[in-house]
């Protein structure tokens, strides 16, 4: 049977053309997420890694990202040793977001109501003065007492409002920048993350050899341990840290490893001092000596002095002198890398 009015001999039920099958494309679950790119094809990235996944390491990560965000750069993500530890770190992050967000909201409310409350205080004070004056009209002693009372109450009201305003402004200065940075600091390998397939356990196996990895933790002078907290109750010595990095999946061909721990390296001013520091007990040169056989391309970088956790109003990561926190320098200028 042919189509009516058609000159071609075609069946009425012409077959529908089937489009060619396209290869499957891995797409992000969220339009804001970064699409999958094979490791060999993507640009180098930087990550932060915390062996301990505690609040101290979250603060260190936050300080790292505060400077980056202030300079208009993207915040680095944080990796923990496992999905479970990443989940615990994310819980701490959410607690701090709620706490700091509440403090910011309260400070803004205080500042917004400050002018109105000042006018209300003035109106109440004037009304009180008028009542007392009318009641004690004609009494010199009462007027003298009234004048002293007026000055005292007015001063107290002004001092109270001034103190509240200063405290609110202080809270904003303390929390606002940290809150904004914490919002952008992501824990990348939580079990509920958008890309669990890109950050499987162990988490560091995802890294490409040309990426950067910042290992977070505390340090101590002339000590080859990485500490979880400043009290030194939990730590990893160099053999344990080397094994930890291997178990975490650090690629054998990895190159750029950086430790932000305080006093991870001794002060080095020339090549002779750098060479001599390899025999010291400081964390970074000791770690390099321990892992260079397992990771033959590795370069391990540390920084002299103490880290400034929250570098407020600075466009650079800062380090302070071990004995004087007021003497500070740019971290980049205090870096020591092994080998050079």
Protein backbone atom coordinates (compact mmCIF):
# COMPACT_ATOMS: atom_id res chain seq x y z
CA UNK A 1 0.00 0.00 0.00
CA UNK A 2 1.43 3.38 -1.04
CA UNK A 3 1.01 6.84 0.40
CA UNK A 4 -1.74 8.78 -1.41
CA UNK A 5 -0.24 11.30 -3.80
CA UNK A 6 3.29 9.98 -3.44
CA UNK A 7 5.24 9.17 -6.57
CA UNK A 8 7.77 7.00 -4.75
CA UNK A 9 7.09 3.38 -3.97
CA UNK A 10 7.54 3.46 -0.17
CA UNK A 11 5.81 1.35 2.45
CA UNK A 12 3.28 3.19 4.56
CA UNK A 13 5.03 2.12 7.74
CA UNK A 14 8.47 3.34 6.83
CA UNK A 15 11.19 2.26 9.28
CA UNK A 16 12.25 4.94 11.74
CA UNK A 17 15.96 5.74 11.38
CA UNK A 18 17.95 4.77 14.47
CA UNK A 19 20.57 7.34 15.54
CA UNK A 20 24.08 6.03 16.05
CA UNK A 21 24.87 4.91 19.59
CA UNK A 22 27.13 7.38 21.37
CA UNK A 23 29.67 6.18 23.89
CA UNK A 24 28.60 6.59 27.51
CA UNK A 25 29.88 9.74 29.16
CA UNK A 26 30.45 9.93 32.90
CA UNK A 27 28.55 12.99 34.04
CA UNK A 28 28.60 14.71 37.43
CA UNK A 29 25.66 14.20 39.71
CA UNK A 30 25.55 17.93 40.29
CA UNK A 31 25.90 20.64 37.60
CA UNK A 32 28.29 22.56 39.86
CA UNK A 33 30.62 19.58 40.22
CA UNK A 34 33.83 19.16 38.23
CA UNK A 35 33.37 16.74 35.30
CA UNK A 36 35.47 13.60 35.23
CA UNK A 37 38.75 13.93 33.35
CA UNK A 38 41.34 11.14 33.13
CA UNK A 39 44.36 11.81 35.33
CA UNK A 40 46.76 11.92 32.40
CA UNK A 41 44.73 14.65 30.67
CA UNK A 42 43.85 17.07 33.45
CA UNK A 43 45.81 20.00 34.80
CA UNK A 44 47.66 19.69 38.09
CA UNK A 45 45.71 20.37 41.26
CA UNK A 46 46.50 20.87 44.90
CA UNK A 47 44.96 19.05 47.84
CA UNK A 48 45.30 19.13 51.59
CA UNK A 49 45.62 15.87 53.51
CA UNK A 50 45.13 15.31 57.22
CA UNK A 51 46.35 12.05 58.75
CA UNK A 52 44.43 12.86 61.94
CA UNK A 53 41.17 14.38 60.63
CA UNK A 54 40.58 16.48 63.76
CA UNK A 55 39.57 20.06 64.49
CA UNK A 56 43.17 21.30 64.52
CA UNK A 57 43.67 20.07 60.98
CA UNK A 58 40.42 21.71 59.90
CA UNK A 59 41.68 25.02 61.29
CA UNK A 60 44.94 24.60 59.40
CA UNK A 61 43.02 23.92 56.18
CA UNK A 62 40.89 26.96 56.84
CA UNK A 63 43.94 29.18 57.24
CA UNK A 64 45.35 27.86 53.97
CA UNK A 65 42.15 28.72 52.13
CA UNK A 66 41.59 32.14 53.71
CA UNK A 67 44.58 33.50 51.81
CA UNK A 68 43.57 31.80 48.55
CA UNK A 69 40.02 33.12 48.70
CA UNK A 70 41.21 36.64 49.52
CA UNK A 71 43.34 36.50 46.37
CA UNK A 72 40.39 35.33 44.28
CA UNK A 73 41.63 31.74 43.94
CA UNK A 74 39.69 28.52 44.38
CA UNK A 75 39.83 26.88 47.80
CA UNK A 76 41.75 23.62 48.13
CA UNK A 77 39.79 20.53 49.12
CA UNK A 78 40.67 18.35 52.11
CA UNK A 79 41.21 14.58 52.09
CA UNK A 80 41.07 12.37 55.18
CA UNK A 81 42.49 8.83 55.52
CA UNK A 82 39.08 7.15 55.08
CA UNK A 83 35.42 7.84 54.39
CA UNK A 84 34.65 7.36 58.09
CA UNK A 85 37.27 9.88 59.23
CA UNK A 86 36.16 12.28 56.51
CA UNK A 87 32.59 12.01 57.80
CA UNK A 88 33.79 12.90 61.32
CA UNK A 89 35.69 15.89 59.95
CA UNK A 90 32.62 17.04 58.01
CA UNK A 91 30.58 16.85 61.23
CA UNK A 92 33.09 19.19 62.91
CA UNK A 93 32.89 21.50 59.91
CA UNK A 94 29.11 21.68 60.13
CA UNK A 95 29.27 22.44 63.86
CA UNK A 96 31.65 25.34 63.26
CA UNK A 97 29.52 26.67 60.41
CA UNK A 98 26.50 26.68 62.70
CA UNK A 99 28.40 28.25 65.60
CA UNK A 100 30.12 30.97 63.58
CA UNK A 101 27.04 31.65 61.49
CA UNK A 102 25.02 32.18 64.66
CA UNK A 103 27.65 34.55 66.06
CA UNK A 104 27.64 36.57 62.83
CA UNK A 105 23.83 36.75 62.81
CA UNK A 106 23.75 37.93 66.42
CA UNK A 107 26.45 40.55 65.79
CA UNK A 108 24.59 41.90 62.78
CA UNK A 109 21.37 42.12 64.79
CA UNK A 110 23.16 44.02 67.54
CA UNK A 111 24.66 46.52 65.09
CA UNK A 112 21.40 46.96 63.20
CA UNK A 113 19.52 47.72 66.39
CA UNK A 114 22.26 49.85 67.93
CA UNK A 115 21.07 53.23 66.61
CA UNK A 116 17.43 52.54 67.44
CA UNK A 117 18.29 51.39 70.95
CA UNK A 118 20.36 54.50 71.47
CA UNK A 119 17.39 56.69 70.57
CA UNK A 120 15.16 54.64 72.87
CA UNK A 121 17.62 55.07 75.75
CA UNK A 122 17.70 58.82 75.21
CA UNK A 123 13.90 59.02 75.15
CA UNK A 124 13.59 56.98 78.37
CA UNK A 125 16.20 59.08 80.10
CA UNK A 126 14.56 62.37 79.09
CA UNK A 127 11.18 61.10 80.24
CA UNK A 128 12.63 60.04 83.59
CA UNK A 129 14.31 63.42 84.03
CA UNK A 130 11.08 65.24 83.26
CA UNK A 131 9.13 63.21 85.83
CA UNK A 132 11.67 63.76 88.58
CA UNK A 133 11.97 67.48 87.78
CA UNK A 134 8.21 67.96 87.89
CA UNK A 135 8.00 66.07 91.19
CA UNK A 136 10.86 67.93 92.89
CA UNK A 137 10.32 71.38 91.36
CA UNK A 138 11.62 74.13 93.56
CA UNK A 139 13.90 71.93 95.75
CA UNK A 140 17.62 72.83 95.29
CA UNK A 141 18.85 69.66 96.98
CA UNK A 142 16.62 67.49 94.82
CA UNK A 143 17.85 69.27 91.68
CA UNK A 144 21.49 68.63 92.64
CA UNK A 145 20.81 64.94 93.23
CA UNK A 146 18.87 64.83 89.99
CA UNK A 147 21.78 66.32 88.03
CA UNK A 148 24.24 63.75 89.44
CA UNK A 149 21.79 60.94 88.72
CA UNK A 150 21.27 62.17 85.17
CA UNK A 151 25.00 62.17 84.42
CA UNK A 152 25.52 58.72 85.95
CA UNK A 153 22.62 57.08 84.11
CA UNK A 154 23.47 58.72 80.81
CA UNK A 155 27.11 57.65 81.06
CA UNK A 156 26.12 54.09 81.97
CA UNK A 157 23.70 53.86 79.02
CA UNK A 158 26.27 55.21 76.58
CA UNK A 159 29.03 52.90 77.90
CA UNK A 160 26.75 49.88 77.63
CA UNK A 161 25.82 50.65 74.04
CA UNK A 162 29.42 51.41 73.11
CA UNK A 163 30.62 48.12 74.62
CA UNK A 164 27.94 46.13 72.81
CA UNK A 165 28.85 47.76 69.52
CA UNK A 166 32.56 47.08 69.96
CA UNK A 167 31.90 43.44 70.86
CA UNK A 168 29.62 42.98 67.86
CA UNK A 169 32.20 44.49 65.50
CA UNK A 170 34.86 42.27 67.07
CA UNK A 171 32.72 39.16 66.52
CA UNK A 172 32.25 40.08 62.87
CA UNK A 173 35.97 40.61 62.41
CA UNK A 174 36.74 37.29 64.06
CA UNK A 175 34.15 35.07 62.40
CA UNK A 176 33.10 36.57 59.07
CA UNK A 177 36.19 35.75 57.02
CA UNK A 178 36.66 32.35 58.63
CA UNK A 179 33.00 31.50 58.04
CA UNK A 180 33.22 32.41 54.35
CA UNK A 181 36.39 30.34 53.94
CA UNK A 182 34.93 27.37 55.80
CA UNK A 183 31.90 27.38 53.50
CA UNK A 184 34.26 26.88 50.55
CA UNK A 185 36.55 24.35 52.26
CA UNK A 186 35.19 20.97 51.19
CA UNK A 187 35.91 17.57 52.69
CA UNK A 188 36.33 15.66 49.46
CA UNK A 189 36.08 12.01 50.43
CA UNK A 190 33.07 11.92 52.73
CA UNK A 191 30.87 8.91 52.15
CA UNK A 192 28.04 11.18 50.93
CA UNK A 193 30.24 13.17 48.55
CA UNK A 194 29.22 13.75 44.96
CA UNK A 195 32.24 11.86 43.66
CA UNK A 196 32.92 8.86 45.91
CA UNK A 197 34.26 6.99 42.86
CA UNK A 198 36.99 9.61 42.41
CA UNK A 199 38.11 9.45 46.04
CA UNK A 200 37.89 5.80 47.03
CA UNK A 201 39.72 4.38 50.01
CA UNK A 202 42.66 4.77 50.09
CA UNK A 203 42.13 8.42 49.13
CA UNK A 204 45.54 9.45 47.76
CA UNK A 205 45.47 6.95 44.90
CA UNK A 206 43.42 9.55 42.99
CA UNK A 207 46.35 11.98 42.85
CA UNK A 208 48.28 12.51 39.65
CA UNK A 209 52.05 12.64 39.89
CA UNK A 210 52.08 16.37 39.05
CA UNK A 211 49.59 17.38 41.76
CA UNK A 212 50.56 19.12 45.02
CA UNK A 213 49.78 17.62 48.40
CA UNK A 214 49.88 19.66 51.63
CA UNK A 215 50.10 17.42 54.70
CA UNK A 216 48.55 19.11 57.74
CA UNK A 217 49.69 18.70 61.32
CA UNK A 218 51.69 20.27 64.13
CA UNK A 219 55.45 20.30 64.51
CA UNK A 220 57.98 20.99 67.23
CA UNK A 221 61.55 22.30 67.19
CA UNK A 222 64.17 19.67 66.41
CA UNK A 223 61.52 16.94 66.34
CA UNK A 224 60.88 14.41 63.59
CA UNK A 225 57.25 13.81 64.57
CA UNK A 226 54.01 15.10 63.11
CA UNK A 227 51.56 15.90 65.92
CA UNK A 228 47.76 15.83 65.89
CA UNK A 229 47.43 18.57 68.53
CA UNK A 230 49.72 21.06 70.19
CA UNK A 231 49.79 19.09 73.43
CA UNK A 232 51.64 16.29 71.62
CA UNK A 233 49.42 13.47 72.90
CA UNK A 234 49.00 11.91 69.43
CA UNK A 235 51.69 11.84 66.80
CA UNK A 236 53.30 9.98 63.91
CA UNK A 237 57.06 9.54 63.82
CA UNK A 238 58.79 9.40 60.46
CA UNK A 239 58.61 5.61 59.92
CA UNK A 240 54.90 5.67 60.84
CA UNK A 241 54.25 8.69 58.59
CA UNK A 242 56.06 7.05 55.68
CA UNK A 243 53.96 3.90 56.09
CA UNK A 244 50.81 6.00 56.51
CA UNK A 245 51.38 7.77 53.18
CA UNK A 246 52.00 4.46 51.45
CA UNK A 247 48.83 2.94 52.90
CA UNK A 248 46.88 6.06 51.96
CA UNK A 249 47.72 5.35 48.32
CA UNK A 250 50.29 8.04 47.49
CA UNK A 251 51.45 7.22 43.94
CA UNK A 252 54.98 5.92 43.56
CA UNK A 253 55.77 8.60 40.99
CA UNK A 254 54.44 11.47 43.10
CA UNK A 255 56.63 14.59 43.17
CA UNK A 256 55.40 17.59 45.18
CA UNK A 257 54.83 16.85 48.88
CA UNK A 258 54.62 19.77 51.33
CA UNK A 259 54.35 19.80 55.12
CA UNK A 260 53.00 22.92 56.82
CA UNK A 261 53.99 21.87 60.36
CA UNK A 262 55.64 24.45 62.59
CA UNK A 263 59.45 24.34 62.52
CA UNK A 264 59.47 21.46 60.07
CA UNK A 265 62.88 22.59 58.86
CA UNK A 266 65.76 24.47 60.48
CA UNK A 267 66.62 27.96 59.25
CA UNK A 268 68.62 27.51 56.02
CA UNK A 269 70.45 30.35 54.27
CA UNK A 270 72.83 28.55 51.88
CA UNK A 271 73.54 25.21 50.25
CA UNK A 272 75.98 24.16 52.97
CA UNK A 273 73.35 24.63 55.66
CA UNK A 274 70.80 22.80 53.52
CA UNK A 275 73.15 19.84 53.15
CA UNK A 276 73.91 19.84 56.87
CA UNK A 277 70.20 19.94 57.71
CA UNK A 278 69.75 16.50 56.11
CA UNK A 279 71.50 15.09 59.17
CA UNK A 280 69.31 17.03 61.61
CA UNK A 281 66.34 15.67 63.55
CA UNK A 282 63.83 18.05 61.94
CA UNK A 283 60.70 16.51 60.45
CA UNK A 284 60.95 17.41 56.76
CA UNK A 285 64.57 16.44 55.98
CA UNK A 286 64.17 13.27 58.07
CA UNK A 287 61.02 12.33 56.17
CA UNK A 288 62.68 12.96 52.82
CA UNK A 289 65.57 10.67 53.72
CA UNK A 290 63.09 7.98 54.77
CA UNK A 291 60.78 8.01 51.73
CA UNK A 292 63.05 8.84 48.80
CA UNK A 293 63.60 5.16 48.00
CA UNK A 294 59.86 4.35 47.98
CA UNK A 295 59.08 7.54 46.03
CA UNK A 296 62.14 8.15 43.82
CA UNK A 297 60.78 11.37 42.24
CA UNK A 298 59.60 12.92 45.50
CA UNK A 299 60.45 16.46 46.57
CA UNK A 300 59.54 17.29 50.15
CA UNK A 301 59.09 20.93 51.16
CA UNK A 302 58.90 22.39 54.66
CA UNK A 303 58.89 25.88 56.12
CA UNK A 304 61.01 27.54 58.78
CA UNK A 305 59.34 29.17 61.79
CA UNK A 306 55.83 28.72 63.12
CA UNK A 307 52.73 28.75 60.97
CA UNK A 308 50.23 31.60 61.40
CA UNK A 309 46.96 29.65 61.42
CA UNK A 310 44.59 32.54 60.63
CA UNK A 311 46.47 35.19 58.60
CA UNK A 312 43.84 37.95 58.91
CA UNK A 313 44.27 40.89 56.52
CA UNK A 314 47.12 39.23 54.67
CA UNK A 315 47.37 38.21 51.03
CA UNK A 316 50.16 35.75 51.84
CA UNK A 317 50.64 32.68 53.98
CA UNK A 318 52.77 33.75 56.91
CA UNK A 319 55.32 32.24 59.28
CA UNK A 320 56.42 33.75 62.57
CA UNK A 321 59.75 33.63 64.37
CA UNK A 322 59.90 30.78 66.92
CA UNK A 323 60.51 33.15 69.83
CA UNK A 324 58.55 36.19 68.70
CA UNK A 325 55.15 35.89 67.06
CA UNK A 326 55.25 39.55 66.00
CA UNK A 327 58.20 38.92 63.66
CA UNK A 328 56.63 37.48 60.53
CA UNK A 329 57.60 36.66 56.98
CA UNK A 330 56.07 35.25 53.83
CA UNK A 331 55.97 31.47 53.91
CA UNK A 332 57.14 31.19 50.33
CA UNK A 333 60.40 32.92 51.23
CA UNK A 334 61.00 30.54 54.15
CA UNK A 335 60.49 27.32 52.18
CA UNK A 336 63.18 24.65 52.17
CA UNK A 337 62.89 21.81 49.66
CA UNK A 338 64.65 18.45 49.61
CA UNK A 339 66.28 17.90 47.20
CA UNK A 340 66.69 21.44 45.96
